[in-house]
Protein backbone atom coordinates (compact mmCIF):
# COMPACT_ATOMS: atom_id res chain seq x y z
CA MET A 1 0.00 0.00 0.00
CA GLN A 2 2.87 2.40 0.78
CA LEU A 3 4.45 1.68 -2.60
CA ASP A 4 1.09 2.32 -4.29
CA ALA A 5 0.82 5.70 -2.60
CA LEU A 6 4.41 6.57 -3.58
CA LEU A 7 3.89 5.75 -7.27
CA ASP A 8 0.37 7.16 -7.61
CA PRO A 9 1.49 10.77 -8.48
CA TYR A 10 3.53 9.33 -11.35
CA GLY A 11 0.66 7.30 -12.81
CA GLY A 12 1.74 4.04 -11.21
CA GLN A 13 -0.88 1.31 -11.00
CA ALA A 14 -1.40 -1.08 -8.10
CA ALA A 15 1.87 -2.78 -7.24
CA HIS A 16 1.82 -6.57 -7.24
CA GLY A 17 4.22 -9.40 -6.58
CA ARG A 18 5.75 -11.78 -9.06
CA LYS A 19 3.11 -14.45 -8.47
CA ASP A 20 0.46 -12.05 -9.84
CA GLN A 21 2.38 -11.22 -13.02
CA THR A 22 0.62 -12.60 -16.09
CA SER A 23 3.65 -14.41 -17.50
CA HIS A 24 4.48 -16.00 -14.15
CA ALA A 25 0.84 -16.98 -13.58
CA TRP A 26 0.64 -18.64 -17.01
CA LEU A 27 3.88 -20.53 -16.40
CA ASP A 28 2.63 -21.80 -13.06
CA HIS A 29 -0.73 -22.70 -14.58
CA GLU A 30 0.77 -24.63 -17.50
CA LEU A 31 3.09 -26.53 -15.19
CA ASP A 32 0.19 -27.29 -12.85
CA MET A 33 -1.93 -28.56 -15.74
CA LEU A 34 0.91 -30.74 -16.97
CA ASN A 35 1.39 -32.07 -13.45
CA ASN A 36 -2.34 -32.75 -13.06
CA MET A 37 -2.49 -34.57 -16.40
CA SER A 38 0.47 -36.69 -15.29
CA ARG A 39 -1.40 -37.59 -12.11
CA THR A 40 -4.70 -38.32 -13.86
CA LEU A 41 -4.06 -40.23 -17.09
CA PRO A 42 -0.99 -42.41 -16.32
CA PRO A 43 -2.73 -44.15 -13.37
CA ILE A 44 -5.56 -45.02 -15.75
CA PHE A 45 -3.07 -46.57 -18.20
CA LEU A 46 -1.37 -48.47 -15.38
CA LEU A 47 -4.75 -49.76 -14.18
CA VAL A 48 -5.63 -51.02 -17.65
CA SER A 49 -2.17 -52.56 -17.99
CA ALA A 50 -2.59 -54.40 -14.68
CA PHE A 51 -6.00 -55.63 -15.80
CA LEU A 52 -4.56 -56.78 -19.11
CA VAL A 53 -1.73 -58.70 -17.40
CA ASN A 54 -4.22 -60.31 -15.03
CA LEU A 55 -6.55 -61.31 -17.84
CA THR A 56 -3.76 -62.73 -19.98
CA LEU A 57 -2.02 -64.65 -17.22
CA SER A 58 -5.24 -65.99 -15.70
CA ARG A 59 -6.39 -67.47 -18.98
CA LEU A 60 -2.88 -68.76 -19.69
CA VAL A 61 -2.83 -70.58 -16.35
CA ALA A 62 -6.28 -72.01 -17.05
CA LEU A 63 -5.07 -73.15 -20.47
CA GLU A 64 -1.98 -74.89 -19.03
CA ARG A 65 -3.53 -76.33 -15.87
CA GLU A 66 -2.73 -79.92 -16.91
CA GLN A 67 0.96 -79.09 -17.42
CA ILE A 68 1.01 -77.31 -14.05
CA GLY A 69 -0.46 -80.37 -12.37
CA LEU A 70 2.08 -82.65 -14.06
CA LEU A 71 4.98 -80.46 -12.92
CA LYS A 72 3.68 -80.53 -9.36
CA ALA A 73 3.31 -84.31 -9.52
CA LEU A 74 6.94 -84.60 -10.64
CA GLY A 75 8.09 -82.66 -7.58
CA TYR A 76 8.29 -79.09 -8.73
CA THR A 77 7.39 -76.71 -5.92
CA ASP A 78 4.76 -73.99 -6.10
CA GLY A 79 7.51 -71.39 -5.87
CA SER A 80 9.38 -72.70 -8.89
CA ILE A 81 6.22 -72.80 -11.02
CA VAL A 82 5.17 -69.33 -9.88
CA LEU A 83 8.68 -68.10 -10.68
CA HIS A 84 8.33 -69.52 -14.20
CA TYR A 85 5.21 -67.47 -14.89
CA PHE A 86 6.66 -64.47 -13.10
CA LYS A 87 9.64 -64.59 -15.47
CA PHE A 88 7.18 -64.52 -18.36
CA VAL A 89 5.64 -61.33 -16.97
CA ALA A 90 9.08 -59.89 -16.14
CA MET A 91 10.27 -60.31 -19.74
CA ILE A 92 7.24 -58.43 -21.03
CA VAL A 93 7.72 -55.70 -18.42
CA ALA A 94 11.43 -55.38 -19.23
CA ALA A 95 10.71 -55.01 -22.94
CA GLY A 96 8.00 -52.45 -22.16
CA ILE A 97 10.30 -50.45 -19.89
CA VAL A 98 13.05 -50.29 -22.52
CA LEU A 99 10.63 -49.29 -25.29
CA GLY A 100 8.78 -46.88 -23.01
CA SER A 101 12.02 -45.22 -21.91
CA ILE A 102 13.03 -44.57 -25.51
CA VAL A 103 9.61 -43.26 -26.58
CA GLY A 104 9.23 -41.30 -23.34
CA THR A 105 12.57 -39.57 -23.91
CA LEU A 106 11.55 -38.53 -27.43
CA LEU A 107 8.18 -37.24 -26.21
CA GLY A 108 9.87 -35.45 -23.31
CA LEU A 109 12.16 -33.65 -25.72
CA ARG A 110 9.14 -32.66 -27.82
CA VAL A 111 7.15 -31.27 -24.86
CA THR A 112 10.22 -29.47 -23.49
CA GLY A 113 10.70 -27.80 -26.87
CA LEU A 114 7.07 -26.66 -26.91
CA PHE A 115 7.40 -25.09 -23.46
CA GLY A 116 10.65 -23.39 -24.44
CA ASP A 117 9.03 -21.88 -27.53
CA PHE A 118 5.89 -20.81 -25.69
CA PHE A 119 7.61 -19.02 -22.79
CA HIS A 120 10.66 -17.92 -24.82
CA PHE A 121 13.11 -19.39 -22.34
CA PRO A 122 16.75 -18.83 -23.34
CA PHE A 123 17.19 -22.57 -22.84
CA LEU A 124 15.11 -25.42 -21.45
CA VAL A 125 16.75 -28.81 -21.14
CA PHE A 126 14.98 -32.15 -20.79
CA ALA A 127 16.87 -33.73 -17.89
CA LYS A 128 17.44 -37.45 -18.40
CA ALA A 129 17.69 -38.06 -14.66
CA PRO A 130 18.28 -41.74 -13.80
CA ASP A 131 15.83 -41.61 -10.90
CA LEU A 132 13.06 -40.59 -13.33
CA TYR A 133 13.53 -43.76 -15.39
CA VAL A 134 13.86 -45.87 -12.24
CA ILE A 135 10.58 -44.54 -10.81
CA ALA A 136 8.76 -44.99 -14.13
CA GLY A 137 10.08 -48.54 -14.47
CA ALA A 138 9.19 -49.34 -10.86
CA LEU A 139 5.61 -48.13 -11.33
CA SER A 140 5.24 -50.21 -14.49
CA ALA A 141 6.66 -53.28 -12.77
CA ALA A 142 4.40 -52.74 -9.76
CA ALA A 143 1.31 -52.52 -11.98
CA ALA A 144 2.29 -55.74 -13.76
CA ALA A 145 3.00 -57.50 -10.44
CA ILE A 146 -0.37 -56.47 -9.03
CA GLY A 147 -2.08 -57.74 -12.17
CA ALA A 148 -0.23 -61.05 -11.96
CA LEU A 149 -0.95 -61.76 -8.27
CA ARG A 150 -4.41 -63.23 -8.74
CA ALA A 151 -3.32 -65.51 -11.57
CA LEU A 152 -0.26 -66.71 -9.65
CA ARG A 153 -2.44 -67.42 -6.63
CA GLU A 154 -4.44 -69.81 -8.81
CA VAL A 155 -1.20 -71.67 -9.59
CA VAL A 156 -0.59 -72.23 -5.89
CA LYS A 157 -4.17 -73.39 -5.23
CA LEU A 158 -4.14 -76.04 -7.98
CA ALA A 159 -3.79 -79.55 -6.55
CA PRO A 160 -1.80 -81.94 -8.81
CA ALA A 161 -4.51 -84.60 -8.99
CA VAL A 162 -7.18 -82.05 -9.86
CA ALA A 163 -5.04 -80.04 -12.26
CA MET A 164 -4.00 -83.11 -14.30
CA GLN A 165 -7.62 -83.92 -15.03
CA PRO A 166 -9.24 -82.01 -17.84
CA PRO A 167 -11.75 -79.44 -16.64
CA ALA A 168 -15.33 -80.62 -16.40
CA PRO A 169 -17.22 -79.82 -19.58
CA PRO A 170 -19.79 -77.05 -19.28
CA VAL A 171 -23.34 -78.10 -18.49
CA TYR A 172 -25.58 -76.94 -21.30
CA ARG A 173 -29.19 -76.27 -20.42
CA ARG A 174 -32.03 -74.72 -22.32
CA LEU A 175 -31.77 -70.94 -22.22
CA LEU A 176 -35.30 -70.17 -23.33
CA PRO A 177 -38.68 -71.89 -23.01
CA ALA A 178 -39.25 -74.89 -25.23
CA SER A 179 -41.78 -72.92 -27.26
CA ILE A 180 -39.02 -70.67 -28.51
CA GLN A 181 -36.70 -72.36 -30.97
CA LEU A 182 -33.63 -70.23 -31.63
CA ASP A 183 -32.35 -72.64 -34.26
CA GLU A 184 -35.28 -71.59 -36.43
CA VAL A 185 -34.18 -67.95 -36.19
CA VAL A 186 -30.39 -68.07 -36.22
CA SER A 187 -27.86 -70.40 -37.81
CA GLN A 188 -26.22 -73.24 -35.91
CA PRO A 189 -22.80 -71.50 -35.66
CA THR A 190 -24.49 -68.39 -34.27
CA LEU A 191 -26.42 -70.49 -31.76
CA MET A 192 -23.18 -72.13 -30.63
CA MET A 193 -21.61 -68.72 -30.11
CA ILE A 194 -24.57 -67.50 -28.03
CA ARG A 195 -24.45 -70.63 -25.89
CA ASN A 196 -20.72 -70.26 -25.31
CA ILE A 197 -21.18 -66.70 -24.02
CA ALA A 198 -24.08 -67.76 -21.81
CA ARG A 199 -22.12 -70.70 -20.31
CA HIS A 200 -19.10 -68.51 -19.47
CA PRO A 201 -20.66 -65.28 -18.18
CA VAL A 202 -17.71 -64.31 -15.96
CA ARG A 203 -15.17 -64.73 -18.74
CA ALA A 204 -17.40 -62.85 -21.16
CA ALA A 205 -17.92 -60.06 -18.61
CA PHE A 206 -14.17 -59.64 -18.04
CA THR A 207 -13.54 -59.63 -21.77
CA ALA A 208 -16.18 -56.94 -22.26
CA LEU A 209 -14.76 -54.99 -19.30
CA GLY A 210 -11.31 -54.96 -20.90
CA MET A 211 -12.74 -53.59 -24.13
CA ALA A 212 -14.83 -51.05 -22.20
CA LEU A 213 -11.68 -49.80 -20.45
CA ALA A 214 -9.98 -49.47 -23.82
CA THR A 215 -12.88 -47.32 -25.02
CA ALA A 216 -12.87 -45.31 -21.79
CA ILE A 217 -9.21 -44.31 -21.98
CA LEU A 218 -9.69 -43.23 -25.58
CA VAL A 219 -12.66 -41.06 -24.56
CA VAL A 220 -10.80 -39.38 -21.70
CA SER A 221 -7.72 -38.83 -23.88
CA LEU A 222 -9.79 -37.14 -26.57
CA PHE A 223 -11.81 -35.15 -24.04
CA THR A 224 -9.13 -32.45 -23.82
CA ARG A 225 -9.43 -31.62 -27.52
CA ASP A 226 -13.21 -31.31 -27.24
CA THR A 227 -13.11 -29.08 -24.21
CA MET A 228 -10.44 -26.77 -25.65
CA GLU A 229 -12.53 -26.19 -28.78
CA GLN A 230 -15.57 -25.56 -26.58
CA LEU A 231 -13.54 -23.14 -24.46
CA ILE A 232 -12.54 -21.24 -27.60
CA ASP A 233 -16.14 -21.10 -28.85
CA VAL A 234 -17.49 -19.81 -25.54
CA THR A 235 -14.72 -17.29 -24.94
CA TYR A 236 -14.09 -15.87 -28.40
CA PHE A 237 -17.48 -16.22 -30.07
CA LEU A 238 -20.11 -16.11 -27.30
CA ALA A 239 -18.60 -13.99 -24.50
CA ASP A 240 -15.91 -11.69 -25.94
CA ARG A 241 -17.37 -10.97 -29.36
CA GLN A 242 -15.62 -7.66 -29.99
CA ASP A 243 -13.32 -7.35 -32.99
CA ALA A 244 -10.92 -5.01 -31.17
CA THR A 245 -10.37 -3.30 -27.85
CA ILE A 246 -8.81 0.16 -27.56
CA GLY A 247 -6.92 0.62 -24.28
CA PHE A 248 -6.08 4.08 -22.98
CA ALA A 249 -2.91 5.13 -21.18
CA GLU A 250 -5.04 6.61 -18.40
CA LYS A 251 -8.68 6.97 -17.46
CA ARG A 252 -10.75 8.89 -20.04
CA ILE A 253 -14.06 10.70 -19.70
CA GLU A 254 -16.89 8.49 -20.96
CA ASN A 255 -17.62 10.74 -23.94
CA VAL A 256 -14.51 9.21 -25.54
CA VAL A 257 -16.80 6.33 -26.48
CA GLU A 258 -18.67 8.65 -28.83
CA GLN A 259 -15.38 9.85 -30.32
CA VAL A 260 -14.27 6.28 -30.95
CA ASN A 261 -17.67 5.42 -32.39
CA ARG A 262 -17.10 8.06 -35.09
CA LEU A 263 -13.82 6.52 -36.25
CA PRO A 264 -13.90 4.99 -39.76
CA GLY A 265 -14.94 1.35 -39.82
CA VAL A 266 -16.45 1.30 -36.30
CA LEU A 267 -19.91 -0.30 -36.25
CA ALA A 268 -20.48 -0.32 -32.49
CA ALA A 269 -18.59 0.76 -29.36
CA GLU A 270 -19.06 -0.13 -25.69
CA PRO A 271 -17.28 1.33 -22.62
CA PHE A 272 -15.28 -0.84 -20.27
CA ARG A 273 -13.84 0.08 -16.87
CA GLU A 274 -11.33 -1.98 -14.88
CA VAL A 275 -10.29 -1.38 -11.29
CA PRO A 276 -7.60 -3.40 -9.49
CA VAL A 277 -8.60 -4.47 -5.97
CA ARG A 278 -7.69 -6.85 -3.21
CA ILE A 279 -10.73 -8.92 -2.28
CA ARG A 280 -10.83 -10.47 1.16
CA HIS A 281 -13.09 -12.76 3.15
CA GLY A 282 -11.83 -13.81 6.54
CA ASN A 283 -8.15 -14.60 6.21
CA VAL A 284 -8.32 -15.47 2.49
CA GLU A 285 -7.25 -12.74 0.07
CA ARG A 286 -6.72 -12.43 -3.67
CA ARG A 287 -5.69 -9.62 -6.00
CA ILE A 288 -8.23 -9.34 -8.82
CA THR A 289 -9.64 -6.85 -11.30
CA ILE A 290 -13.24 -5.68 -11.13
CA SER A 291 -14.63 -5.03 -14.58
CA GLY A 292 -17.47 -2.57 -15.06
CA ARG A 293 -19.62 -2.86 -18.16
CA PRO A 294 -22.88 -1.22 -19.20
CA ALA A 295 -26.25 -2.87 -18.75
CA GLY A 296 -27.14 -4.81 -21.86
CA ALA A 297 -23.54 -5.02 -23.10
CA ASP A 298 -23.50 -7.00 -26.34
CA LEU A 299 -19.85 -7.08 -27.41
CA ARG A 300 -18.30 -8.29 -24.15
CA ARG A 301 -20.85 -10.41 -22.36
CA ILE A 302 -20.87 -12.68 -19.33
CA ILE A 303 -21.83 -16.25 -20.20
CA ASP A 304 -22.92 -18.81 -17.62
CA VAL A 305 -22.41 -22.60 -17.72
CA ASP A 306 -25.61 -23.00 -19.74
CA LEU A 307 -24.14 -20.64 -22.37
CA ARG A 308 -26.71 -17.94 -21.63
CA PRO A 309 -25.87 -14.23 -21.21
CA VAL A 310 -25.93 -13.00 -17.61
CA ALA A 311 -27.40 -9.58 -16.82
CA LEU A 312 -25.45 -7.86 -14.07
CA PRO A 313 -27.50 -6.49 -11.15
CA GLU A 314 -27.69 -2.72 -10.72
CA THR A 315 -25.89 -2.90 -7.36
CA GLY A 316 -23.52 -5.31 -5.68
CA LEU A 317 -20.69 -7.46 -6.94
CA ALA A 318 -20.75 -10.58 -9.12
CA ILE A 319 -17.70 -12.83 -8.93
CA SER A 320 -16.30 -15.87 -10.71
CA GLY A 321 -17.44 -19.22 -9.39
CA MET A 322 -13.80 -20.20 -8.84
CA LEU A 323 -13.19 -17.02 -6.83
CA GLY A 324 -16.25 -17.76 -4.73
CA HIS A 325 -14.88 -21.26 -4.11
CA ILE A 326 -11.47 -19.87 -3.09
CA LEU A 327 -12.94 -17.26 -0.74
CA GLY A 328 -15.66 -19.56 0.55
CA VAL A 329 -18.48 -17.15 -0.28
CA ALA A 330 -21.75 -17.31 -2.17
CA ALA A 331 -24.53 -14.95 -3.14
CA GLY A 332 -25.70 -13.08 -0.05
CA ASP A 333 -22.29 -12.97 1.68
CA THR A 334 -20.17 -9.85 1.99
CA VAL A 335 -16.49 -9.28 1.20
CA GLU A 336 -13.96 -6.53 1.82
CA LEU A 337 -12.40 -4.69 -1.12
CA ASP A 338 -9.14 -2.74 -0.89
CA LEU A 339 -9.42 -0.29 -3.80
CA LEU A 340 -5.97 0.00 -5.40
CA GLU A 341 -6.73 2.97 -7.62
CA GLY A 342 -7.88 6.52 -7.02
CA ALA A 343 -8.84 7.25 -3.41
CA ARG A 344 -7.45 4.05 -1.95
CA ARG A 345 -9.78 2.82 0.76
CA THR A 346 -11.49 -0.31 1.98
CA VAL A 347 -15.17 -0.93 1.31
CA THR A 348 -17.56 -3.74 2.14
CA MET A 349 -19.54 -5.16 -0.78
CA PRO A 350 -22.33 -7.76 -0.95
CA ILE A 351 -21.97 -10.69 -3.34
CA VAL A 352 -25.12 -10.73 -5.46
CA ALA A 353 -24.18 -13.51 -7.91
CA THR A 354 -21.51 -16.05 -8.80
CA VAL A 355 -20.84 -16.69 -12.47
CA GLU A 356 -19.06 -19.71 -13.91
CA ASP A 357 -16.44 -18.38 -16.27
CA TYR A 358 -13.32 -20.02 -17.66
CA PHE A 359 -10.43 -17.54 -17.52
CA GLY A 360 -9.01 -16.05 -14.37
CA ILE A 361 -10.75 -15.00 -11.17
CA ARG A 362 -12.48 -11.66 -11.32
CA GLY A 363 -15.30 -9.45 -10.16
CA MET A 364 -17.97 -7.89 -12.35
CA MET A 365 -20.22 -4.91 -11.74
CA ASP A 366 -22.56 -2.61 -13.57
CA ILE A 367 -20.38 0.28 -14.75
CA ASP A 368 -22.59 2.88 -13.02
CA ALA A 369 -22.47 0.95 -9.73
CA LEU A 370 -18.67 0.70 -10.01
CA ARG A 371 -18.49 4.44 -10.61
CA GLN A 372 -20.39 5.09 -7.38
CA VAL A 373 -18.05 2.81 -5.43
CA MET A 374 -15.02 4.65 -6.85
CA ARG A 375 -16.68 8.05 -6.23
CA GLU A 376 -15.65 9.30 -9.63
CA ALA A 377 -17.11 10.89 -12.74
CA PRO A 378 -18.08 8.66 -15.69
CA VAL A 379 -14.75 7.34 -16.96
CA VAL A 380 -13.53 4.36 -18.97
CA THR A 381 -10.21 2.56 -19.32
CA SER A 382 -10.95 0.85 -22.64
CA VAL A 383 -13.56 0.61 -25.39
CA ASN A 384 -14.73 -2.60 -27.09
CA LEU A 385 -15.42 -2.29 -30.81
CA SER A 386 -17.16 -4.02 -33.64
CA LEU A 387 -15.43 -3.26 -36.94
CA ASP A 388 -16.25 -3.30 -40.63
CA GLU A 389 -13.87 -5.82 -42.19
CA ASN A 390 -13.56 -3.73 -45.34
CA ARG A 391 -12.42 -0.58 -43.48
CA LYS A 392 -9.97 -1.94 -40.91
CA GLU A 393 -6.99 -0.22 -42.51
CA ASP A 394 -8.75 3.16 -42.26
CA PHE A 395 -9.50 2.40 -38.62
CA TYR A 396 -5.87 1.56 -37.83
CA ALA A 397 -4.66 4.76 -39.46
CA ALA A 398 -7.16 6.82 -37.43
CA VAL A 399 -6.21 5.17 -34.15
CA LYS A 400 -2.53 5.94 -34.70
CA SER A 401 -3.35 9.63 -34.62
CA MET A 402 -4.94 9.39 -31.14
CA PRO A 403 -2.18 10.21 -28.59
CA THR A 404 -4.04 8.82 -25.56
CA VAL A 405 -4.37 5.29 -26.98
CA ALA A 406 -2.00 2.87 -25.27
CA GLY A 407 -2.72 -0.01 -27.62
CA VAL A 408 -5.24 -1.94 -29.69
CA ALA A 409 -5.95 -5.59 -28.92
CA LEU A 410 -7.31 -7.55 -31.86
CA GLN A 411 -9.54 -10.50 -31.03
CA ARG A 412 -8.45 -12.55 -34.03
CA VAL A 413 -4.80 -12.15 -33.02
CA SER A 414 -5.63 -13.17 -29.46
CA LEU A 415 -7.43 -16.27 -30.75
CA ALA A 416 -4.54 -17.17 -33.06
CA ASN A 417 -2.05 -16.80 -30.19
CA PHE A 418 -4.20 -18.95 -27.91
CA ARG A 419 -4.42 -21.71 -30.50
CA LYS A 420 -0.70 -21.47 -31.19
CA THR A 421 0.42 -21.57 -27.57
CA VAL A 422 -1.88 -22.73 -24.80
CA ALA A 423 -4.18 -24.93 -26.88
CA LEU A 424 -1.19 -26.42 -28.72
CA LEU A 425 0.48 -27.46 -25.48
CA ILE A 426 -2.64 -29.08 -24.10
CA THR A 427 -3.74 -30.79 -27.31
CA THR A 428 -0.20 -32.08 -27.92
CA MET A 429 -0.28 -33.85 -24.57
CA ALA A 430 -3.77 -35.12 -25.39
CA SER A 431 -2.49 -36.48 -28.73
CA ILE A 432 0.31 -38.33 -26.97
CA TYR A 433 -2.11 -39.93 -24.54
CA THR A 434 -4.56 -40.73 -27.36
CA GLY A 435 -1.83 -42.58 -29.25
CA LEU A 436 -0.95 -44.59 -26.16
CA ALA A 437 -4.64 -45.31 -25.58
CA ALA A 438 -5.03 -46.58 -29.15
CA VAL A 439 -2.09 -48.97 -28.66
CA ILE A 440 -3.59 -50.28 -25.42
CA ALA A 441 -6.99 -50.65 -27.10
CA PHE A 442 -5.47 -52.84 -29.80
CA GLY A 443 -3.59 -54.83 -27.15
CA VAL A 444 -6.75 -55.49 -25.15
CA VAL A 445 -8.81 -56.61 -28.15
CA TYR A 446 -6.08 -58.69 -29.78
CA ASN A 447 -5.15 -60.33 -26.50
CA ASN A 448 -8.74 -61.42 -25.91
CA ALA A 449 -9.10 -62.77 -29.43
CA ARG A 450 -5.77 -64.62 -29.32
CA ILE A 451 -6.43 -66.27 -25.96
CA SER A 452 -9.96 -67.18 -26.98
CA LEU A 453 -8.51 -69.01 -29.99
CA SER A 454 -6.02 -70.86 -27.77
CA GLU A 455 -8.76 -71.91 -25.35
CA ARG A 456 -11.10 -73.14 -28.05
CA ALA A 457 -8.58 -74.57 -30.49
CA ARG A 458 -9.66 -78.17 -29.78
CA GLU A 459 -13.34 -77.28 -30.09
CA LEU A 460 -12.78 -75.47 -33.39
CA ALA A 461 -10.64 -78.30 -34.73
CA SER A 462 -13.39 -80.78 -33.82
CA LEU A 463 -15.90 -78.71 -35.78
CA ARG A 464 -13.60 -78.75 -38.78
CA VAL A 465 -13.39 -82.55 -38.57
CA LEU A 466 -17.20 -82.74 -38.37
CA GLY A 467 -17.47 -80.86 -41.66
CA PHE A 468 -17.64 -77.19 -40.75
CA THR A 469 -15.86 -74.96 -43.22
CA ARG A 470 -13.11 -72.54 -42.24
CA GLY A 471 -15.49 -69.65 -42.74
CA GLU A 472 -18.09 -71.14 -40.39
CA VAL A 473 -15.49 -71.88 -37.73
CA LEU A 474 -14.09 -68.36 -38.07
CA ARG A 475 -17.58 -66.89 -37.79
CA ILE A 476 -18.23 -68.70 -34.50
CA LEU A 477 -15.10 -67.20 -32.97
CA LEU A 478 -15.23 -63.73 -34.48
CA LEU A 479 -18.96 -63.21 -34.03
CA GLU A 480 -18.44 -63.71 -30.30
CA LEU A 481 -15.65 -61.13 -30.40
CA ALA A 482 -17.87 -58.71 -32.34
CA ILE A 483 -20.79 -59.03 -29.92
CA LEU A 484 -18.57 -58.52 -26.85
CA THR A 485 -16.92 -55.53 -28.53
CA LEU A 486 -20.26 -53.86 -29.24
CA VAL A 487 -21.72 -54.70 -25.83
CA ALA A 488 -18.65 -53.10 -24.19
CA GLN A 489 -19.12 -49.73 -25.88
CA PRO A 490 -21.90 -48.13 -23.76
CA PRO A 491 -20.15 -48.99 -20.46
CA GLY A 492 -16.92 -47.72 -22.01
CA TRP A 493 -18.58 -44.42 -22.91
CA ALA A 494 -19.93 -44.06 -19.37
CA MET A 495 -16.56 -44.83 -17.77
CA GLY A 496 -14.85 -42.45 -20.19
CA TYR A 497 -17.26 -39.67 -19.25
CA GLY A 498 -16.60 -40.30 -15.57
CA LEU A 499 -12.85 -40.21 -16.10
CA ALA A 500 -13.24 -37.01 -18.12
CA TRP A 501 -15.01 -35.47 -15.12
CA VAL A 502 -12.10 -36.47 -12.89
CA MET A 503 -9.63 -34.95 -15.34
CA LYS A 504 -11.69 -31.76 -15.73
CA THR A 505 -11.75 -31.35 -11.95
CA ASN A 506 -7.99 -31.86 -11.69
CA LEU A 507 -7.28 -29.37 -14.50
CA ALA A 508 -9.28 -26.55 -12.88
CA GLY A 509 -7.09 -23.66 -11.71
CA GLU A 510 -7.30 -19.98 -10.93
CA LEU A 511 -6.03 -18.93 -14.35
CA MET A 512 -8.10 -21.22 -16.57
CA ARG A 513 -10.81 -23.83 -16.27
CA VAL A 514 -12.58 -26.05 -18.78
CA ARG A 515 -16.10 -27.35 -19.24
CA LEU A 516 -17.02 -31.00 -19.17
CA VAL A 517 -17.67 -31.44 -22.89
CA VAL A 518 -17.43 -34.78 -24.65
CA GLU A 519 -18.63 -34.53 -28.23
CA HIS A 520 -20.56 -37.32 -29.93
CA SER A 521 -17.73 -37.56 -32.44
CA THR A 522 -15.39 -38.50 -29.58
CA TYR A 523 -17.51 -41.52 -28.69
CA VAL A 524 -17.69 -42.45 -32.36
CA PHE A 525 -13.92 -42.14 -32.78
CA ALA A 526 -13.17 -44.14 -29.62
CA THR A 527 -15.52 -46.92 -30.69
CA SER A 528 -14.10 -46.85 -34.22
CA VAL A 529 -10.57 -47.39 -32.88
CA VAL A 530 -11.71 -50.37 -30.80
CA VAL A 531 -13.67 -51.79 -33.75
CA LEU A 532 -10.65 -51.35 -36.04
CA ALA A 533 -8.54 -53.12 -33.43
CA ALA A 534 -11.09 -55.94 -33.47
CA VAL A 535 -10.97 -56.10 -37.29
CA ALA A 536 -7.15 -56.19 -37.27
CA SER A 537 -7.28 -58.93 -34.64
CA ALA A 538 -9.77 -60.84 -36.77
CA VAL A 539 -7.37 -60.74 -39.73
CA VAL A 540 -4.57 -62.20 -37.61
CA ILE A 541 -6.88 -64.82 -36.09
CA ARG A 542 -8.11 -65.83 -39.54
CA GLU A 543 -4.56 -66.56 -40.64
CA ARG A 544 -4.03 -68.70 -37.54
CA ILE A 545 -7.25 -70.64 -38.12
CA ASP A 546 -6.29 -71.23 -41.75
CA LYS A 547 -2.98 -72.70 -40.54
CA LEU A 548 -4.56 -74.70 -37.70
CA ASP A 549 -3.10 -78.23 -37.60
CA LEU A 550 -6.20 -80.30 -36.82
CA VAL A 551 -4.35 -83.53 -36.00
CA ALA A 552 -1.82 -81.83 -33.72
CA VAL A 553 -4.48 -79.88 -31.84
CA LEU A 554 -6.67 -82.91 -31.25
CA LYS A 555 -3.71 -85.07 -30.14
CA THR A 556 -2.27 -82.54 -27.68
CA ARG A 557 -5.52 -82.40 -25.75
CA ASP A 558 -6.06 -86.13 -25.37
């Protein structure tokens, strides 16, 4: 306050610390968002990886139960058999850690370069710290170990005499009343597929769950792109619709709005007044700017979460929803304001409304009410303009001749800079996570298809011997995969929406927030990736069925 008083005769504005500087605030915000994304999405990937390891190893143990029983009967201990399977998992984890370290280093260099360009750092080095790779590898290994525990426990529980016997065949019972004959409606291969799903509901449910998780991580990875585009639409096309804003070096009498309105190319002009204040409630304090705008402002509007314009009350203060959350206040409460301009004093103001906005934390008032609080004549600090596209050059030339103009902010330039910097950083990270999610989606679907073929190889070979063609055998297997893939999509969408809500909550900060927006195209894209993974898996499975050695398969299971 003493520094403010000292600088006031020289035109100094409210002094503020480094943490309130725009560049510093953006740097902190970007780093916080990056940190929050790293705490939100990677655990989801690790969870899916653990589930995938568990699913693969569990079905592998079930497939090799006779061999496990024989090894136990020959004297092999549970520990040695568990170690055998653990080595299998360890090899996969080791390969994943090596590949992940290489890809992670390349992506780290890319993200570091983006941050260096955005903030114009003289240098920004991606530190290849050994502890970083050790922690990442340890987390990956821990996820794989957790996923393998349940399957390895089944190895220990298997008794040799029981394990060496083939599993009891499933008991097939009539699914529907005798009056309903499915074989008259669907083909025999389709009926066999339906019965197989019905007789193994747990296995089918886990298979569908794996595919649903694959869809979910694609949805949450793509969510960031959707919400950034929505943020741009709301901010630059619904709320701040002005083409340009003229800022003055000092406060100007309100009749300057009429002068600006007569400049060439100006279609409409609206006054805007900003006052820096410290807002306080209890022991919580923030430095913000209160913006005053006229009733019925059309160029620079306040938009709520339902995308509707908000009319400011004639008296009292409206604040951002985030600011209300920080201060712990709502409509009806009162706050203290330290006015940092003009006659510096402290006033008490009632909160009349909280508005959900997406940039910064701020207060909003009717411009006449703000004038009364400041005890000043009608003045403005800037003017928002709507311009004729065909006369912008004439407008620029006229503005240059106005000595009191401190600068002109163009909305299209602001939008271009936002897309080039902030949105690029966020969507780049989203693209990285989307690529990883697509790889995991393919892994989940292919793994299920491959293990299903291994489990049913004898059954499929028997059908071939009985006269079924390769196409019919393939249809039995792949139609089951197709049905489980489609059934998994709605739960996957729901889980993806829930994870998007978690991510949206974690990304919220004082400088910028996002809406929970998941476009229909995102669900379509996520499902398309999973379906394409299923198609690619089907192509590989078809080749394996074509090369299926019927004699060898039937002999190895006797």
